[in-house]
Amino acid sequence: MEDAHVGWIAAIIIGGIAGWLAEKLMESNMGVIMNIILGIVGAIVASWLLGALHIALPFHAWLNYLITGFIGACILIFVGRLIRR
């Protein structure tokens, strides 16, 4: 997502939405701040992972950020659950 030109406010909003969607899918109970953090950090994690696998999303920058944030947030929730057990 090196070429995804998303500003800080947009990153917070999109990250919050991605984190919230992941929270609903993974049936987790997080707060708004944690959803935002999961979405933003998840986008970084998933972007790195997709880049390592040479997978590029063909959508607009905002949609790419939402998809990678969602995927990454789901991964982070899953790993968090593994660590807590």
C-alpha atoms as a PDB file:
ATOM      1  CA  MET A   1       0.000   0.000   0.000  1.00  0.00           C
ATOM      2  CA  GLU A   2       2.951   2.291  -0.582  1.00  0.00           C
ATOM      3  CA  ASP A   3       1.009   4.175  -3.244  1.00  0.00           C
ATOM      4  CA  ALA A   4      -2.184   4.449  -1.187  1.00  0.00           C
ATOM      5  CA  HIS A   5      -2.401   8.146  -0.397  1.00  0.00           C
ATOM      6  CA  VAL A   6      -4.764   8.092   2.561  1.00  0.00           C
ATOM      7  CA  GLY A   7      -4.555  10.938   5.076  1.00  0.00           C
ATOM      8  CA  TRP A   8      -4.487  10.515   8.838  1.00  0.00           C
ATOM      9  CA  ILE A   9      -8.153  11.318   9.387  1.00  0.00           C
ATOM     10  CA  ALA A  10      -9.204   8.976   6.584  1.00  0.00           C
ATOM     11  CA  ALA A  11      -6.892   6.279   8.005  1.00  0.00           C
ATOM     12  CA  ILE A  12      -8.576   6.606  11.402  1.00  0.00           C
ATOM     13  CA  ILE A  13     -12.066   6.424   9.903  1.00  0.00           C
ATOM     14  CA  ILE A  14     -11.301   3.563   7.513  1.00  0.00           C
ATOM     15  CA  GLY A  15      -9.277   1.762  10.199  1.00  0.00           C
ATOM     16  CA  GLY A  16     -12.196   2.061  12.606  1.00  0.00           C
ATOM     17  CA  ILE A  17     -14.584   0.613  10.044  1.00  0.00           C
ATOM     18  CA  ALA A  18     -12.184  -2.222   9.193  1.00  0.00           C
ATOM     19  CA  GLY A  19     -11.657  -2.986  12.883  1.00  0.00           C
ATOM     20  CA  TRP A  20     -15.397  -2.903  13.550  1.00  0.00           C
ATOM     21  CA  LEU A  21     -16.106  -5.270  10.638  1.00  0.00           C
ATOM     22  CA  ALA A  22     -13.394  -7.647  11.871  1.00  0.00           C
ATOM     23  CA  GLU A  23     -14.815  -7.426  15.397  1.00  0.00           C
ATOM     24  CA  LYS A  24     -18.246  -8.448  14.120  1.00  0.00           C
ATOM     25  CA  LEU A  25     -16.928 -11.292  11.953  1.00  0.00           C
ATOM     26  CA  MET A  26     -14.629 -12.668  14.660  1.00  0.00           C
ATOM     27  CA  GLU A  27     -17.313 -12.197  17.352  1.00  0.00           C
ATOM     28  CA  SER A  28     -14.961 -10.188  19.506  1.00  0.00           C
ATOM     29  CA  ASN A  29     -15.863  -7.471  21.976  1.00  0.00           C
ATOM     30  CA  MET A  30     -13.560  -4.494  21.490  1.00  0.00           C
ATOM     31  CA  GLY A  31     -14.045  -0.779  21.990  1.00  0.00           C
ATOM     32  CA  VAL A  32     -13.937   1.974  19.391  1.00  0.00           C
ATOM     33  CA  ILE A  33     -10.304   2.882  20.078  1.00  0.00           C
ATOM     34  CA  MET A  34      -9.220  -0.761  19.831  1.00  0.00           C
ATOM     35  CA  ASN A  35     -11.155  -1.124  16.561  1.00  0.00           C
ATOM     36  CA  ILE A  36      -9.274   1.856  15.114  1.00  0.00           C
ATOM     37  CA  ILE A  37      -5.927   0.475  16.291  1.00  0.00           C
ATOM     38  CA  LEU A  38      -6.726  -3.001  14.950  1.00  0.00           C
ATOM     39  CA  GLY A  39      -7.788  -1.561  11.591  1.00  0.00           C
ATOM     40  CA  ILE A  40      -4.694   0.615  11.166  1.00  0.00           C
ATOM     41  CA  VAL A  41      -2.153  -1.909  12.458  1.00  0.00           C
ATOM     42  CA  GLY A  42      -4.024  -4.648  10.614  1.00  0.00           C
ATOM     43  CA  ALA A  43      -3.672  -2.715   7.358  1.00  0.00           C
ATOM     44  CA  ILE A  44       0.081  -2.512   7.922  1.00  0.00           C
ATOM     45  CA  VAL A  45       0.337  -6.231   8.717  1.00  0.00           C
ATOM     46  CA  ALA A  46      -1.866  -7.365   5.825  1.00  0.00           C
ATOM     47  CA  SER A  47      -0.177  -4.957   3.413  1.00  0.00           C
ATOM     48  CA  TRP A  48       3.194  -6.458   4.298  1.00  0.00           C
ATOM     49  CA  LEU A  49       1.818 -10.003   4.069  1.00  0.00           C
ATOM     50  CA  LEU A  50       0.134  -9.412   0.712  1.00  0.00           C
ATOM     51  CA  GLY A  51       3.295  -7.730  -0.585  1.00  0.00           C
ATOM     52  CA  ALA A  52       5.413 -10.692   0.520  1.00  0.00           C
ATOM     53  CA  LEU A  53       3.029 -12.987  -1.354  1.00  0.00           C
ATOM     54  CA  HIS A  54       3.115 -10.658  -4.413  1.00  0.00           C
ATOM     55  CA  ILE A  55      -0.626 -10.040  -4.247  1.00  0.00           C
ATOM     56  CA  ALA A  56      -1.862  -6.620  -5.332  1.00  0.00           C
ATOM     57  CA  LEU A  57      -5.440  -5.490  -4.828  1.00  0.00           C
ATOM     58  CA  PRO A  58      -6.873  -3.829  -7.948  1.00  0.00           C
ATOM     59  CA  PHE A  59      -9.247  -1.426  -6.196  1.00  0.00           C
ATOM     60  CA  HIS A  60      -9.175   2.257  -5.293  1.00  0.00           C
ATOM     61  CA  ALA A  61      -6.740   3.213  -2.495  1.00  0.00           C
ATOM     62  CA  TRP A  62      -9.511   3.650   0.099  1.00  0.00           C
ATOM     63  CA  LEU A  63     -11.066   0.273  -0.666  1.00  0.00           C
ATOM     64  CA  ASN A  64      -7.641  -1.425  -0.656  1.00  0.00           C
ATOM     65  CA  TYR A  65      -6.968   0.089   2.760  1.00  0.00           C
ATOM     66  CA  LEU A  66     -10.347  -1.113   4.056  1.00  0.00           C
ATOM     67  CA  ILE A  67      -9.814  -4.649   2.750  1.00  0.00           C
ATOM     68  CA  THR A  68      -6.247  -4.927   4.044  1.00  0.00           C
ATOM     69  CA  GLY A  69      -7.276  -3.388   7.368  1.00  0.00           C
ATOM     70  CA  PHE A  70     -10.089  -5.919   7.689  1.00  0.00           C
ATOM     71  CA  ILE A  71      -7.860  -8.886   6.803  1.00  0.00           C
ATOM     72  CA  GLY A  72      -5.096  -7.690   9.107  1.00  0.00           C
ATOM     73  CA  ALA A  73      -7.473  -6.988  11.995  1.00  0.00           C
ATOM     74  CA  CYS A  74      -8.897 -10.505  11.681  1.00  0.00           C
ATOM     75  CA  ILE A  75      -5.361 -11.901  11.754  1.00  0.00           C
ATOM     76  CA  LEU A  76      -4.501  -9.817  14.827  1.00  0.00           C
ATOM     77  CA  ILE A  77      -7.655 -10.910  16.665  1.00  0.00           C
ATOM     78  CA  PHE A  78      -6.896 -14.544  15.804  1.00  0.00           C
ATOM     79  CA  VAL A  79      -3.282 -14.276  16.996  1.00  0.00           C
ATOM     80  CA  GLY A  80      -4.422 -12.463  20.147  1.00  0.00           C
ATOM     81  CA  ARG A  81      -6.772 -15.321  20.941  1.00  0.00           C
ATOM     82  CA  LEU A  82      -3.986 -17.849  20.399  1.00  0.00           C
ATOM     83  CA  ILE A  83      -1.682 -15.987  22.765  1.00  0.00           C
ATOM     84  CA  ARG A  84      -4.331 -15.678  25.498  1.00  0.00           C
ATOM     85  CA  ARG A  85      -4.984 -19.442  25.564  1.00  0.00           C
END
